[in-house]
Amino acid sequence: MRSYINLTKIDAISFDLDDTLYDNTPIILKAESELERFLHHAYPLTIKLKRTDWLTLKRNLLKVRPELCHDTGLARVAMLTQGLCQLGYSIKEAEAGGHKGLHCFLAHRSGFTVSKPVLILLEALAQKYTLIGITNGNVDAERIGLGSLFDFVLSPGEGVRMKPAPDMFNMAMERLNISPESLLHVGDSHSSDVMGARLAGCQSIWLTPGFGSTEAGVAKGSLPHLEISSIEDLKFLI
């Protein structure tokens, strides 16, 4: 554990989810695989497209519609719809496929439970602090075991921008009726979690490396208040 800025009084703790509370990489890979399986079965022409082709299509789509960068679900629907149209499916078929594809992806994307040690840690923290989630992803917190531990979880979309934009931090502080400095954010990404928290005036703890992530060492820019190497290091807050 490394301290860069002294922590002050904490009223609530916000957690990033992906790669902070669990390793997100194998989960996403499985969800992508199941989506591909669904598409090949329901829309056989998609066998012509490799995963890299879908990624290229998505990158090009985001250049034309940059607002989709802040809504992963809408971006996936748009990508699938456009891809199906390009393969020759009607607009009606493509739009239906886009929404069905998203439903398939989300079903498998949240098909796991946070590990018992992490849940035990969160349960202990919840006895002392209000806990919430602030994530750039679209996992279903209820399904993965966090529903009873977090007061609420905020995700981007519908005009709410992804971290490091301060939107979700500001929303959280308004809902909790607390000052920026009394919210402590914990996350694995310096560029989104640390920078986002600092831009909103909140305290931050950087988990590095996080579950499945490779960021390590102090990055340039705003320093976190603390840097930890394991989520279990948060026991000092109890």
C-alpha atoms as a PDB file:
ATOM      1  CA  MET A   1       0.000   0.000   0.000  1.00  0.00           C
ATOM      2  CA  ARG A   2       1.287   3.443  -0.942  1.00  0.00           C
ATOM      3  CA  SER A   3      -0.117   6.722   0.334  1.00  0.00           C
ATOM      4  CA  TYR A   4       0.137   9.857  -1.803  1.00  0.00           C
ATOM      5  CA  ILE A   5      -2.541  12.075  -0.243  1.00  0.00           C
ATOM      6  CA  ASN A   6      -3.973  11.700   3.267  1.00  0.00           C
ATOM      7  CA  LEU A   7      -7.526  10.392   3.357  1.00  0.00           C
ATOM      8  CA  THR A   8     -10.129  12.521   5.117  1.00  0.00           C
ATOM      9  CA  LYS A   9     -13.522  11.580   6.570  1.00  0.00           C
ATOM     10  CA  ILE A  10     -15.395   9.073   4.381  1.00  0.00           C
ATOM     11  CA  ASP A  11     -19.187   8.787   4.292  1.00  0.00           C
ATOM     12  CA  ALA A  12     -19.569   6.526   1.265  1.00  0.00           C
ATOM     13  CA  ILE A  13     -17.436   4.255  -0.919  1.00  0.00           C
ATOM     14  CA  SER A  14     -18.059   3.802  -4.621  1.00  0.00           C
ATOM     15  CA  PHE A  15     -16.629   0.811  -6.448  1.00  0.00           C
ATOM     16  CA  ASP A  16     -15.805   0.245 -10.046  1.00  0.00           C
ATOM     17  CA  LEU A  17     -16.970  -3.295 -10.876  1.00  0.00           C
ATOM     18  CA  ASP A  18     -15.161  -4.847 -13.854  1.00  0.00           C
ATOM     19  CA  ASP A  19     -11.579  -5.881 -12.990  1.00  0.00           C
ATOM     20  CA  THR A  20     -11.919  -4.293  -9.551  1.00  0.00           C
ATOM     21  CA  LEU A  21     -14.217  -6.787  -7.828  1.00  0.00           C
ATOM     22  CA  TYR A  22     -13.673  -9.676 -10.277  1.00  0.00           C
ATOM     23  CA  ASP A  23     -11.661 -10.678 -13.352  1.00  0.00           C
ATOM     24  CA  ASN A  24     -13.795  -9.447 -16.242  1.00  0.00           C
ATOM     25  CA  THR A  25     -11.780 -10.815 -19.174  1.00  0.00           C
ATOM     26  CA  PRO A  26     -12.969 -14.457 -19.152  1.00  0.00           C
ATOM     27  CA  ILE A  27     -16.536 -13.287 -18.514  1.00  0.00           C
ATOM     28  CA  ILE A  28     -16.547 -11.034 -21.578  1.00  0.00           C
ATOM     29  CA  LEU A  29     -14.869 -13.692 -23.729  1.00  0.00           C
ATOM     30  CA  LYS A  30     -17.567 -16.207 -22.795  1.00  0.00           C
ATOM     31  CA  ALA A  31     -20.350 -13.693 -23.460  1.00  0.00           C
ATOM     32  CA  GLU A  32     -18.859 -12.838 -26.855  1.00  0.00           C
ATOM     33  CA  SER A  33     -18.572 -16.540 -27.675  1.00  0.00           C
ATOM     34  CA  GLU A  34     -22.198 -17.182 -26.738  1.00  0.00           C
ATOM     35  CA  LEU A  35     -23.308 -14.184 -28.809  1.00  0.00           C
ATOM     36  CA  GLU A  36     -21.400 -15.546 -31.799  1.00  0.00           C
ATOM     37  CA  ARG A  37     -23.044 -18.933 -31.306  1.00  0.00           C
ATOM     38  CA  PHE A  38     -26.483 -17.299 -31.202  1.00  0.00           C
ATOM     39  CA  LEU A  39     -25.830 -15.258 -34.345  1.00  0.00           C
ATOM     40  CA  HIS A  40     -24.577 -18.259 -36.323  1.00  0.00           C
ATOM     41  CA  HIS A  41     -27.710 -20.193 -35.383  1.00  0.00           C
ATOM     42  CA  ALA A  42     -30.320 -17.438 -35.808  1.00  0.00           C
ATOM     43  CA  TYR A  43     -28.644 -15.526 -38.645  1.00  0.00           C
ATOM     44  CA  PRO A  44     -26.504 -18.058 -40.591  1.00  0.00           C
ATOM     45  CA  LEU A  45     -24.969 -15.436 -42.881  1.00  0.00           C
ATOM     46  CA  THR A  46     -23.000 -14.116 -39.896  1.00  0.00           C
ATOM     47  CA  ILE A  47     -20.671 -17.111 -40.281  1.00  0.00           C
ATOM     48  CA  LYS A  48     -18.969 -14.922 -42.900  1.00  0.00           C
ATOM     49  CA  LEU A  49     -17.865 -12.414 -40.261  1.00  0.00           C
ATOM     50  CA  LYS A  50     -14.972 -12.978 -37.873  1.00  0.00           C
ATOM     51  CA  ARG A  51     -14.759 -11.278 -34.477  1.00  0.00           C
ATOM     52  CA  THR A  52     -12.207  -8.841 -35.908  1.00  0.00           C
ATOM     53  CA  ASP A  53     -14.721  -7.847 -38.593  1.00  0.00           C
ATOM     54  CA  TRP A  54     -17.281  -6.940 -35.921  1.00  0.00           C
ATOM     55  CA  LEU A  55     -14.659  -4.911 -34.054  1.00  0.00           C
ATOM     56  CA  THR A  56     -13.738  -3.018 -37.205  1.00  0.00           C
ATOM     57  CA  LEU A  57     -17.401  -2.321 -37.853  1.00  0.00           C
ATOM     58  CA  LYS A  58     -17.794  -1.037 -34.282  1.00  0.00           C
ATOM     59  CA  ARG A  59     -14.748   1.236 -34.500  1.00  0.00           C
ATOM     60  CA  ASN A  60     -16.019   2.759 -37.743  1.00  0.00           C
ATOM     61  CA  LEU A  61     -19.489   3.187 -36.263  1.00  0.00           C
ATOM     62  CA  LEU A  62     -18.121   5.032 -33.216  1.00  0.00           C
ATOM     63  CA  LYS A  63     -16.278   7.460 -35.482  1.00  0.00           C
ATOM     64  CA  VAL A  64     -19.567   8.386 -37.154  1.00  0.00           C
ATOM     65  CA  ARG A  65     -21.662   8.271 -33.965  1.00  0.00           C
ATOM     66  CA  PRO A  66     -19.294   9.248 -31.098  1.00  0.00           C
ATOM     67  CA  GLU A  67     -22.219   9.461 -28.652  1.00  0.00           C
ATOM     68  CA  LEU A  68     -22.308   5.647 -28.697  1.00  0.00           C
ATOM     69  CA  CYS A  69     -18.950   5.631 -26.871  1.00  0.00           C
ATOM     70  CA  HIS A  70     -20.890   6.364 -23.674  1.00  0.00           C
ATOM     71  CA  ASP A  71     -23.549   3.657 -24.114  1.00  0.00           C
ATOM     72  CA  THR A  72     -22.123   0.160 -24.554  1.00  0.00           C
ATOM     73  CA  GLY A  73     -25.528  -1.495 -24.918  1.00  0.00           C
ATOM     74  CA  LEU A  74     -26.757   0.897 -27.588  1.00  0.00           C
ATOM     75  CA  ALA A  75     -23.405   0.643 -29.357  1.00  0.00           C
ATOM     76  CA  ARG A  76     -23.686  -3.157 -29.505  1.00  0.00           C
ATOM     77  CA  VAL A  77     -27.235  -2.990 -30.865  1.00  0.00           C
ATOM     78  CA  ALA A  78     -26.132  -0.499 -33.517  1.00  0.00           C
ATOM     79  CA  MET A  79     -23.117  -2.640 -34.458  1.00  0.00           C
ATOM     80  CA  LEU A  80     -25.179  -5.825 -34.783  1.00  0.00           C
ATOM     81  CA  THR A  81     -27.954  -4.085 -36.696  1.00  0.00           C
ATOM     82  CA  GLN A  82     -25.548  -2.558 -39.190  1.00  0.00           C
ATOM     83  CA  GLY A  83     -23.633  -5.809 -39.600  1.00  0.00           C
ATOM     84  CA  LEU A  84     -26.792  -7.792 -40.284  1.00  0.00           C
ATOM     85  CA  CYS A  85     -27.964  -5.192 -42.786  1.00  0.00           C
ATOM     86  CA  GLN A  86     -24.646  -5.382 -44.630  1.00  0.00           C
ATOM     87  CA  LEU A  87     -25.014  -9.162 -44.836  1.00  0.00           C
ATOM     88  CA  GLY A  88     -28.337  -8.780 -46.619  1.00  0.00           C
ATOM     89  CA  TYR A  89     -30.916  -9.072 -43.849  1.00  0.00           C
ATOM     90  CA  SER A  90     -33.854  -6.670 -43.974  1.00  0.00           C
ATOM     91  CA  ILE A  91     -33.903  -3.635 -41.694  1.00  0.00           C
ATOM     92  CA  LYS A  92     -36.646  -5.275 -39.612  1.00  0.00           C
ATOM     93  CA  GLU A  93     -34.672  -8.507 -39.285  1.00  0.00           C
ATOM     94  CA  ALA A  94     -31.465  -6.618 -38.508  1.00  0.00           C
ATOM     95  CA  GLU A  95     -33.024  -4.444 -35.817  1.00  0.00           C
ATOM     96  CA  ALA A  96     -34.629  -7.477 -34.182  1.00  0.00           C
ATOM     97  CA  GLY A  97     -31.292  -9.292 -34.348  1.00  0.00           C
ATOM     98  CA  GLY A  98     -29.515  -6.358 -32.757  1.00  0.00           C
ATOM     99  CA  HIS A  99     -31.798  -6.366 -29.737  1.00  0.00           C
ATOM    100  CA  LYS A 100     -31.860 -10.167 -29.444  1.00  0.00           C
ATOM    101  CA  GLY A 101     -28.077 -10.213 -29.699  1.00  0.00           C
ATOM    102  CA  LEU A 102     -27.736  -7.687 -26.894  1.00  0.00           C
ATOM    103  CA  HIS A 103     -30.125  -9.729 -24.729  1.00  0.00           C
ATOM    104  CA  CYS A 104     -28.014 -12.851 -25.349  1.00  0.00           C
ATOM    105  CA  PHE A 105     -24.775 -11.038 -24.553  1.00  0.00           C
ATOM    106  CA  LEU A 106     -26.099  -9.493 -21.331  1.00  0.00           C
ATOM    107  CA  ALA A 107     -27.506 -12.823 -20.142  1.00  0.00           C
ATOM    108  CA  HIS A 108     -24.048 -14.386 -20.265  1.00  0.00           C
ATOM    109  CA  ARG A 109     -22.187 -11.210 -19.326  1.00  0.00           C
ATOM    110  CA  SER A 110     -23.809 -11.356 -15.871  1.00  0.00           C
ATOM    111  CA  GLY A 111     -23.783 -15.139 -15.528  1.00  0.00           C
ATOM    112  CA  PHE A 112     -21.450 -15.341 -12.533  1.00  0.00           C
ATOM    113  CA  THR A 113     -21.233 -14.428  -8.860  1.00  0.00           C
ATOM    114  CA  VAL A 114     -18.599 -12.273  -7.182  1.00  0.00           C
ATOM    115  CA  SER A 115     -16.234 -14.437  -5.132  1.00  0.00           C
ATOM    116  CA  LYS A 116     -17.044 -15.172  -1.496  1.00  0.00           C
ATOM    117  CA  PRO A 117     -13.944 -13.410  -0.066  1.00  0.00           C
ATOM    118  CA  VAL A 118     -14.818 -10.195  -1.921  1.00  0.00           C
ATOM    119  CA  LEU A 119     -18.467 -10.398  -0.805  1.00  0.00           C
ATOM    120  CA  ILE A 120     -17.360 -10.907   2.807  1.00  0.00           C
ATOM    121  CA  LEU A 121     -15.116  -7.839   2.554  1.00  0.00           C
ATOM    122  CA  LEU A 122     -17.933  -5.753   1.105  1.00  0.00           C
ATOM    123  CA  GLU A 123     -20.334  -6.954   3.800  1.00  0.00           C
ATOM    124  CA  ALA A 124     -17.881  -5.762   6.455  1.00  0.00           C
ATOM    125  CA  LEU A 125     -17.420  -2.391   4.753  1.00  0.00           C
ATOM    126  CA  ALA A 126     -21.188  -2.002   4.405  1.00  0.00           C
ATOM    127  CA  GLN A 127     -21.503  -2.109   8.192  1.00  0.00           C
ATOM    128  CA  LYS A 128     -19.588   1.166   8.369  1.00  0.00           C
ATOM    129  CA  TYR A 129     -20.110   2.945   5.025  1.00  0.00           C
ATOM    130  CA  THR A 130     -22.729   3.382   2.340  1.00  0.00           C
ATOM    131  CA  LEU A 131     -21.567   1.373  -0.672  1.00  0.00           C
ATOM    132  CA  ILE A 132     -22.459   2.091  -4.303  1.00  0.00           C
ATOM    133  CA  GLY A 133     -21.199   1.089  -7.734  1.00  0.00           C
ATOM    134  CA  ILE A 134     -19.948   3.436 -10.463  1.00  0.00           C
ATOM    135  CA  THR A 135     -19.097   1.444 -13.573  1.00  0.00           C
ATOM    136  CA  ASN A 136     -18.502   2.056 -17.257  1.00  0.00           C
ATOM    137  CA  GLY A 137     -19.811  -1.454 -17.954  1.00  0.00           C
ATOM    138  CA  ASN A 138     -23.263  -2.989 -18.104  1.00  0.00           C
ATOM    139  CA  VAL A 139     -23.128  -5.925 -15.710  1.00  0.00           C
ATOM    140  CA  ASP A 140     -26.276  -6.704 -13.685  1.00  0.00           C
ATOM    141  CA  ALA A 141     -25.153  -6.031 -10.097  1.00  0.00           C
ATOM    142  CA  GLU A 142     -28.169  -7.851  -8.683  1.00  0.00           C
ATOM    143  CA  ARG A 143     -27.421 -11.072 -10.555  1.00  0.00           C
ATOM    144  CA  ILE A 144     -23.745 -11.165  -9.554  1.00  0.00           C
ATOM    145  CA  GLY A 145     -24.472 -10.854  -5.833  1.00  0.00           C
ATOM    146  CA  LEU A 146     -24.089  -7.138  -5.145  1.00  0.00           C
ATOM    147  CA  GLY A 147     -27.738  -6.128  -4.953  1.00  0.00           C
ATOM    148  CA  SER A 148     -28.056  -6.315  -1.178  1.00  0.00           C
ATOM    149  CA  LEU A 149     -24.678  -4.653  -0.554  1.00  0.00           C
ATOM    150  CA  PHE A 150     -24.862  -1.582  -2.791  1.00  0.00           C
ATOM    151  CA  ASP A 151     -27.466   1.151  -2.344  1.00  0.00           C
ATOM    152  CA  PHE A 152     -27.399   1.657  -6.119  1.00  0.00           C
ATOM    153  CA  VAL A 153     -25.183   1.205  -9.177  1.00  0.00           C
ATOM    154  CA  LEU A 154     -24.664   3.885 -11.824  1.00  0.00           C
ATOM    155  CA  SER A 155     -23.801   3.126 -15.453  1.00  0.00           C
ATOM    156  CA  PRO A 156     -23.357   5.453 -18.451  1.00  0.00           C
ATOM    157  CA  GLY A 157     -25.923   5.938 -21.194  1.00  0.00           C
ATOM    158  CA  GLU A 158     -28.909   8.143 -22.033  1.00  0.00           C
ATOM    159  CA  GLY A 159     -26.761  11.261 -21.884  1.00  0.00           C
ATOM    160  CA  VAL A 160     -24.683  10.163 -18.878  1.00  0.00           C
ATOM    161  CA  ARG A 161     -21.024   9.974 -19.882  1.00  0.00           C
ATOM    162  CA  MET A 162     -18.483   7.305 -18.981  1.00  0.00           C
ATOM    163  CA  LYS A 163     -15.710   7.879 -16.470  1.00  0.00           C
ATOM    164  CA  PRO A 164     -13.471   9.880 -16.383  1.00  0.00           C
ATOM    165  CA  ALA A 165     -16.287  12.331 -17.042  1.00  0.00           C
ATOM    166  CA  PRO A 166     -17.604  13.358 -13.608  1.00  0.00           C
ATOM    167  CA  ASP A 167     -21.267  12.754 -14.506  1.00  0.00           C
ATOM    168  CA  MET A 168     -21.816   9.581 -12.471  1.00  0.00           C
ATOM    169  CA  PHE A 169     -19.844  10.886  -9.497  1.00  0.00           C
ATOM    170  CA  ASN A 170     -21.971  14.025  -9.456  1.00  0.00           C
ATOM    171  CA  MET A 171     -25.146  11.946  -9.691  1.00  0.00           C
ATOM    172  CA  ALA A 172     -23.973   9.764  -6.799  1.00  0.00           C
ATOM    173  CA  MET A 173     -23.180  12.707  -4.558  1.00  0.00           C
ATOM    174  CA  GLU A 174     -26.542  14.290  -5.291  1.00  0.00           C
ATOM    175  CA  ARG A 175     -28.423  11.070  -4.520  1.00  0.00           C
ATOM    176  CA  LEU A 176     -26.440  10.486  -1.323  1.00  0.00           C
ATOM    177  CA  ASN A 177     -26.529  14.184  -0.355  1.00  0.00           C
ATOM    178  CA  ILE A 178     -22.833  14.202   0.493  1.00  0.00           C
ATOM    179  CA  SER A 179     -19.887  16.455  -0.363  1.00  0.00           C
ATOM    180  CA  PRO A 180     -17.339  15.374  -3.020  1.00  0.00           C
ATOM    181  CA  GLU A 181     -14.510  14.870  -0.544  1.00  0.00           C
ATOM    182  CA  SER A 182     -16.581  12.467   1.565  1.00  0.00           C
ATOM    183  CA  LEU A 183     -16.951  10.008  -1.348  1.00  0.00           C
ATOM    184  CA  LEU A 184     -14.102   7.523  -1.777  1.00  0.00           C
ATOM    185  CA  HIS A 185     -13.884   5.747  -5.140  1.00  0.00           C
ATOM    186  CA  VAL A 186     -12.047   2.439  -5.618  1.00  0.00           C
ATOM    187  CA  GLY A 187     -11.084   1.241  -9.091  1.00  0.00           C
ATOM    188  CA  ASP A 188      -8.436  -0.490 -11.178  1.00  0.00           C
ATOM    189  CA  SER A 189      -8.076   2.111 -13.946  1.00  0.00           C
ATOM    190  CA  HIS A 190      -6.056   5.283 -13.486  1.00  0.00           C
ATOM    191  CA  SER A 191      -7.441   6.846 -16.661  1.00  0.00           C
ATOM    192  CA  SER A 192     -11.108   6.338 -15.750  1.00  0.00           C
ATOM    193  CA  ASP A 193     -11.357   5.664 -12.005  1.00  0.00           C
ATOM    194  CA  VAL A 194      -8.637   7.828 -10.485  1.00  0.00           C
ATOM    195  CA  MET A 195      -9.013  10.650 -13.011  1.00  0.00           C
ATOM    196  CA  GLY A 196     -12.804  10.523 -12.837  1.00  0.00           C
ATOM    197  CA  ALA A 197     -12.862  10.677  -9.051  1.00  0.00           C
ATOM    198  CA  ARG A 198     -10.325  13.491  -8.895  1.00  0.00           C
ATOM    199  CA  LEU A 199     -12.140  15.516 -11.572  1.00  0.00           C
ATOM    200  CA  ALA A 200     -15.273  15.278  -9.444  1.00  0.00           C
ATOM    201  CA  GLY A 201     -13.382  16.317  -6.300  1.00  0.00           C
ATOM    202  CA  CYS A 202     -13.619  12.880  -4.671  1.00  0.00           C
ATOM    203  CA  GLN A 203     -11.025  10.761  -2.911  1.00  0.00           C
ATOM    204  CA  SER A 204      -9.654   7.735  -4.741  1.00  0.00           C
ATOM    205  CA  ILE A 205      -7.953   4.410  -4.192  1.00  0.00           C
ATOM    206  CA  TRP A 206      -6.214   2.806  -7.152  1.00  0.00           C
ATOM    207  CA  LEU A 207      -6.158  -0.995  -7.229  1.00  0.00           C
ATOM    208  CA  THR A 208      -3.143  -1.884  -9.345  1.00  0.00           C
ATOM    209  CA  PRO A 209      -2.949  -4.347 -10.795  1.00  0.00           C
ATOM    210  CA  GLY A 210      -6.662  -5.121 -10.681  1.00  0.00           C
ATOM    211  CA  PHE A 211      -8.273  -8.455 -11.469  1.00  0.00           C
ATOM    212  CA  GLY A 212      -7.124  -9.269 -14.990  1.00  0.00           C
ATOM    213  CA  SER A 213      -5.755  -5.791 -15.676  1.00  0.00           C
ATOM    214  CA  THR A 214      -2.162  -4.899 -16.485  1.00  0.00           C
ATOM    215  CA  GLU A 215      -1.905  -1.279 -15.347  1.00  0.00           C
ATOM    216  CA  ALA A 216       0.885  -0.956 -12.824  1.00  0.00           C
ATOM    217  CA  GLY A 217       2.882   1.843 -11.222  1.00  0.00           C
ATOM    218  CA  VAL A 218       1.865   5.424 -10.730  1.00  0.00           C
ATOM    219  CA  ALA A 219       0.561   6.869 -13.980  1.00  0.00           C
ATOM    220  CA  LYS A 220       1.076  10.451 -15.074  1.00  0.00           C
ATOM    221  CA  GLY A 221      -1.568  12.947 -14.128  1.00  0.00           C
ATOM    222  CA  SER A 222      -3.634  13.116 -10.952  1.00  0.00           C
ATOM    223  CA  LEU A 223      -2.381  10.913  -8.142  1.00  0.00           C
ATOM    224  CA  PRO A 224      -4.739   8.639  -6.224  1.00  0.00           C
ATOM    225  CA  HIS A 225      -4.950   9.124  -2.496  1.00  0.00           C
ATOM    226  CA  LEU A 226      -3.833   5.534  -2.015  1.00  0.00           C
ATOM    227  CA  GLU A 227      -2.477   2.768  -4.232  1.00  0.00           C
ATOM    228  CA  ILE A 228      -3.203  -0.843  -3.224  1.00  0.00           C
ATOM    229  CA  SER A 229      -2.183  -4.148  -4.808  1.00  0.00           C
ATOM    230  CA  SER A 230      -5.069  -6.286  -3.531  1.00  0.00           C
ATOM    231  CA  ILE A 231      -8.752  -5.612  -2.901  1.00  0.00           C
ATOM    232  CA  GLU A 232      -8.212  -7.218   0.516  1.00  0.00           C
ATOM    233  CA  ASP A 233      -6.021  -4.222   1.443  1.00  0.00           C
ATOM    234  CA  LEU A 234      -9.265  -2.312   1.983  1.00  0.00           C
ATOM    235  CA  LYS A 235      -9.640  -4.084   5.329  1.00  0.00           C
ATOM    236  CA  PHE A 236      -7.828  -1.137   6.890  1.00  0.00           C
ATOM    237  CA  LEU A 237     -11.017   0.897   6.350  1.00  0.00           C
ATOM    238  CA  ILE A 238     -13.087  -1.399   8.581  1.00  0.00           C
END
